Amino acid sequence: MSCTRSLMGFHWDHHQWKRRVVSTECVPTQQANMWSRPVYGTSVSCKSAYVCTHCGATKRHEGCICDTAEGDQCPARLTFLESERHAH
């Protein structure tokens, strides 16, 4: 299915983008507390792309990092983890 629209000789793309996680990992982090002492923890790092739900075109690969609690509730990451679980 094509997402290109035409009207009176003008053409433009009309995609419906959805974020899809391509890879994810847990990474160790270090932050400073209010007394400037190091606090160690774990964060979730994801690489994602935006994919058109109609034609499959992709754009803008990007990365994000968030704390573990937020990463465990991210719908795009959970979808990726579920697909990886079924692939193996």
N, C-alpha and C. Protein backbone atom coordinates (compact mmCIF):
# COMPACT_ATOMS: atom_id res chain seq x y z
N MET A 1 0.84 -1.18 0.00
CA MET A 1 0.00 0.00 0.00
C MET A 1 0.89 1.24 0.00
N SER A 2 0.58 2.18 -0.83
CA SER A 2 1.37 3.40 -0.95
C SER A 2 0.82 4.49 -0.03
N CYS A 3 1.72 5.23 0.57
CA CYS A 3 1.31 6.33 1.44
C CYS A 3 1.47 7.67 0.73
N THR A 4 1.74 7.66 -0.56
CA THR A 4 1.89 8.90 -1.32
C THR A 4 0.51 9.40 -1.76
N ARG A 5 0.24 10.64 -1.49
CA ARG A 5 -1.03 11.27 -1.86
C ARG A 5 -0.77 12.26 -2.98
N SER A 6 -1.73 12.42 -3.86
CA SER A 6 -1.61 13.37 -4.97
C SER A 6 -2.87 14.21 -5.06
N LEU A 7 -2.67 15.48 -5.36
CA LEU A 7 -3.79 16.39 -5.56
C LEU A 7 -3.32 17.51 -6.47
N MET A 8 -3.94 17.60 -7.62
CA MET A 8 -3.66 18.66 -8.59
C MET A 8 -2.17 18.80 -8.90
N GLY A 9 -1.50 17.68 -9.12
CA GLY A 9 -0.10 17.69 -9.50
C GLY A 9 0.89 17.77 -8.35
N PHE A 10 0.42 17.90 -7.12
CA PHE A 10 1.30 17.91 -5.95
C PHE A 10 1.30 16.53 -5.32
N HIS A 11 2.46 16.08 -4.89
CA HIS A 11 2.61 14.78 -4.27
C HIS A 11 3.24 14.95 -2.89
N TRP A 12 2.76 14.22 -1.92
CA TRP A 12 3.34 14.24 -0.59
C TRP A 12 3.10 12.90 0.08
N ASP A 13 3.95 12.60 1.04
CA ASP A 13 3.83 11.36 1.79
C ASP A 13 2.95 11.59 3.01
N HIS A 14 2.10 10.64 3.28
CA HIS A 14 1.20 10.73 4.43
C HIS A 14 1.32 9.42 5.21
N HIS A 15 2.39 9.33 6.02
CA HIS A 15 2.66 8.11 6.78
C HIS A 15 2.01 8.19 8.16
N GLN A 16 1.76 7.04 8.72
CA GLN A 16 1.31 6.94 10.12
C GLN A 16 2.43 6.23 10.87
N TRP A 17 3.24 7.01 11.60
CA TRP A 17 4.44 6.49 12.23
C TRP A 17 4.13 5.84 13.57
N LYS A 18 4.82 4.73 13.83
CA LYS A 18 4.74 4.05 15.12
C LYS A 18 6.16 3.71 15.54
N ARG A 19 6.48 3.95 16.79
CA ARG A 19 7.83 3.68 17.31
C ARG A 19 8.00 2.18 17.50
N ARG A 20 9.14 1.65 17.02
CA ARG A 20 9.45 0.23 17.18
C ARG A 20 10.87 0.10 17.71
N VAL A 21 11.02 -0.63 18.79
CA VAL A 21 12.34 -0.86 19.39
C VAL A 21 13.07 -1.90 18.55
N VAL A 22 14.33 -1.60 18.22
CA VAL A 22 15.16 -2.49 17.41
C VAL A 22 16.10 -3.31 18.30
N SER A 23 16.57 -2.72 19.39
CA SER A 23 17.41 -3.44 20.34
C SER A 23 17.29 -2.76 21.71
N THR A 24 17.55 -3.53 22.74
CA THR A 24 17.49 -2.99 24.10
C THR A 24 18.49 -3.73 24.99
N GLU A 25 18.98 -3.03 26.00
CA GLU A 25 19.90 -3.64 26.95
C GLU A 25 19.85 -2.87 28.27
N CYS A 26 20.25 -3.54 29.33
CA CYS A 26 20.37 -2.90 30.64
C CYS A 26 21.82 -2.45 30.80
N VAL A 27 22.01 -1.21 31.21
CA VAL A 27 23.35 -0.65 31.33
C VAL A 27 23.56 -0.12 32.75
N PRO A 28 24.76 -0.30 33.29
CA PRO A 28 25.04 0.25 34.62
C PRO A 28 25.16 1.78 34.55
N THR A 29 24.67 2.44 35.58
CA THR A 29 24.75 3.90 35.62
C THR A 29 25.37 4.36 36.93
N GLN A 30 25.87 5.56 36.92
CA GLN A 30 26.41 6.18 38.12
C GLN A 30 25.94 7.62 38.15
N GLN A 31 25.31 8.00 39.25
CA GLN A 31 24.86 9.37 39.45
C GLN A 31 25.36 9.85 40.79
N ALA A 32 25.30 11.14 41.00
CA ALA A 32 25.73 11.71 42.27
C ALA A 32 24.50 12.02 43.12
N ASN A 33 24.58 11.70 44.41
CA ASN A 33 23.48 12.05 45.31
C ASN A 33 23.65 13.50 45.78
N MET A 34 22.83 13.95 46.71
CA MET A 34 22.88 15.35 47.12
C MET A 34 24.17 15.73 47.85
N TRP A 35 24.96 14.72 48.26
CA TRP A 35 26.25 15.00 48.90
C TRP A 35 27.40 14.71 47.93
N SER A 36 27.10 14.61 46.66
CA SER A 36 28.09 14.35 45.59
C SER A 36 28.78 13.00 45.72
N ARG A 37 28.13 12.07 46.37
CA ARG A 37 28.67 10.72 46.46
C ARG A 37 28.06 9.88 45.33
N PRO A 38 28.84 8.97 44.77
CA PRO A 38 28.31 8.17 43.66
C PRO A 38 27.23 7.19 44.12
N VAL A 39 26.20 7.10 43.31
CA VAL A 39 25.12 6.14 43.52
C VAL A 39 25.05 5.29 42.25
N TYR A 40 25.18 3.99 42.42
CA TYR A 40 25.20 3.09 41.28
C TYR A 40 23.83 2.47 41.08
N GLY A 41 23.47 2.26 39.84
CA GLY A 41 22.18 1.67 39.52
C GLY A 41 22.20 1.07 38.13
N THR A 42 21.02 0.80 37.62
CA THR A 42 20.88 0.23 36.28
C THR A 42 19.81 1.00 35.53
N SER A 43 20.07 1.26 34.27
CA SER A 43 19.10 1.91 33.39
C SER A 43 18.87 1.02 32.18
N VAL A 44 17.83 1.34 31.43
CA VAL A 44 17.49 0.61 30.22
C VAL A 44 17.81 1.50 29.02
N SER A 45 18.57 0.96 28.08
CA SER A 45 18.92 1.68 26.86
C SER A 45 18.26 0.98 25.68
N CYS A 46 17.58 1.74 24.83
CA CYS A 46 16.91 1.18 23.66
C CYS A 46 17.32 1.94 22.41
N LYS A 47 17.42 1.22 21.31
CA LYS A 47 17.55 1.83 20.00
C LYS A 47 16.23 1.58 19.29
N SER A 48 15.66 2.62 18.71
CA SER A 48 14.35 2.47 18.08
C SER A 48 14.30 3.20 16.75
N ALA A 49 13.29 2.85 15.97
CA ALA A 49 13.04 3.48 14.68
C ALA A 49 11.54 3.74 14.59
N TYR A 50 11.18 4.64 13.72
CA TYR A 50 9.76 4.89 13.46
C TYR A 50 9.40 4.19 12.16
N VAL A 51 8.34 3.38 12.20
CA VAL A 51 7.92 2.57 11.06
C VAL A 51 6.49 2.94 10.70
N CYS A 52 6.23 3.12 9.40
CA CYS A 52 4.87 3.42 8.93
C CYS A 52 4.03 2.16 9.05
N THR A 53 2.87 2.27 9.65
CA THR A 53 2.00 1.12 9.85
C THR A 53 1.35 0.65 8.56
N HIS A 54 1.36 1.48 7.51
CA HIS A 54 0.73 1.11 6.25
C HIS A 54 1.72 0.54 5.23
N CYS A 55 2.82 1.25 4.98
CA CYS A 55 3.72 0.83 3.90
C CYS A 55 5.03 0.23 4.39
N GLY A 56 5.34 0.35 5.68
CA GLY A 56 6.57 -0.22 6.22
C GLY A 56 7.80 0.65 6.09
N ALA A 57 7.66 1.88 5.60
CA ALA A 57 8.81 2.79 5.49
C ALA A 57 9.35 3.09 6.89
N THR A 58 10.65 3.32 6.98
CA THR A 58 11.26 3.63 8.27
C THR A 58 11.92 5.01 8.21
N LYS A 59 12.05 5.62 9.36
CA LYS A 59 12.75 6.89 9.47
C LYS A 59 13.39 7.01 10.83
N ARG A 60 14.35 7.83 10.92
CA ARG A 60 14.98 8.32 12.15
C ARG A 60 15.22 7.26 13.22
N HIS A 61 16.34 6.59 13.11
CA HIS A 61 16.75 5.68 14.18
C HIS A 61 17.27 6.54 15.33
N GLU A 62 16.83 6.24 16.51
CA GLU A 62 17.27 7.03 17.67
C GLU A 62 17.42 6.14 18.88
N GLY A 63 18.06 6.66 19.89
CA GLY A 63 18.25 5.92 21.12
C GLY A 63 17.62 6.66 22.29
N CYS A 64 17.27 5.91 23.30
CA CYS A 64 16.74 6.53 24.52
C CYS A 64 17.26 5.74 25.71
N ILE A 65 17.28 6.39 26.84
CA ILE A 65 17.70 5.74 28.08
C ILE A 65 16.75 6.18 29.17
N CYS A 66 16.33 5.24 29.99
CA CYS A 66 15.41 5.56 31.09
C CYS A 66 15.70 4.63 32.26
N ASP A 67 15.08 4.92 33.40
CA ASP A 67 15.32 4.05 34.54
C ASP A 67 14.61 2.71 34.32
N THR A 68 14.99 1.73 35.09
CA THR A 68 14.50 0.37 34.90
C THR A 68 12.99 0.26 35.08
N ALA A 69 12.43 0.96 36.04
CA ALA A 69 10.99 0.89 36.28
C ALA A 69 10.20 1.41 35.08
N GLU A 70 10.66 2.50 34.49
CA GLU A 70 9.99 3.06 33.32
C GLU A 70 10.18 2.14 32.10
N GLY A 71 11.38 1.59 31.95
CA GLY A 71 11.66 0.68 30.84
C GLY A 71 10.83 -0.59 30.90
N ASP A 72 10.53 -1.05 32.12
CA ASP A 72 9.70 -2.25 32.28
C ASP A 72 8.24 -2.02 31.93
N GLN A 73 7.83 -0.76 31.76
CA GLN A 73 6.44 -0.44 31.41
C GLN A 73 6.31 0.17 30.02
N CYS A 74 7.42 0.34 29.30
CA CYS A 74 7.39 0.95 27.98
C CYS A 74 6.73 0.00 26.97
N PRO A 75 5.62 0.41 26.34
CA PRO A 75 4.92 -0.48 25.42
C PRO A 75 5.77 -0.92 24.22
N ALA A 76 6.57 -0.02 23.66
CA ALA A 76 7.40 -0.39 22.51
C ALA A 76 8.46 -1.41 22.91
N ARG A 77 9.06 -1.23 24.07
CA ARG A 77 10.08 -2.18 24.55
C ARG A 77 9.46 -3.53 24.89
N LEU A 78 8.30 -3.52 25.52
CA LEU A 78 7.63 -4.78 25.86
C LEU A 78 7.25 -5.57 24.61
N THR A 79 6.82 -4.88 23.56
CA THR A 79 6.50 -5.54 22.30
C THR A 79 7.75 -6.19 21.71
N PHE A 80 8.88 -5.48 21.75
CA PHE A 80 10.14 -6.02 21.24
C PHE A 80 10.56 -7.25 22.05
N LEU A 81 10.50 -7.17 23.37
CA LEU A 81 10.91 -8.29 24.21
C LEU A 81 10.01 -9.51 23.97
N GLU A 82 8.73 -9.29 23.77
CA GLU A 82 7.80 -10.39 23.50
C GLU A 82 8.12 -11.04 22.15
N SER A 83 8.43 -10.24 21.14
CA SER A 83 8.78 -10.81 19.83
C SER A 83 10.10 -11.58 19.90
N GLU A 84 11.05 -11.09 20.69
CA GLU A 84 12.32 -11.81 20.86
C GLU A 84 12.10 -13.14 21.59
N ARG A 85 11.20 -13.16 22.55
CA ARG A 85 10.91 -14.36 23.31
C ARG A 85 10.32 -15.43 22.40
N HIS A 86 9.44 -15.02 21.47
CA HIS A 86 8.82 -15.98 20.54
C HIS A 86 9.77 -16.41 19.44
N ALA A 87 10.78 -15.59 19.14
CA ALA A 87 11.74 -15.92 18.08
C ALA A 87 12.69 -17.04 18.52
N HIS A 88 12.91 -17.17 19.81
CA HIS A 88 13.87 -18.18 20.29
C HIS A 88 13.17 -19.35 20.86
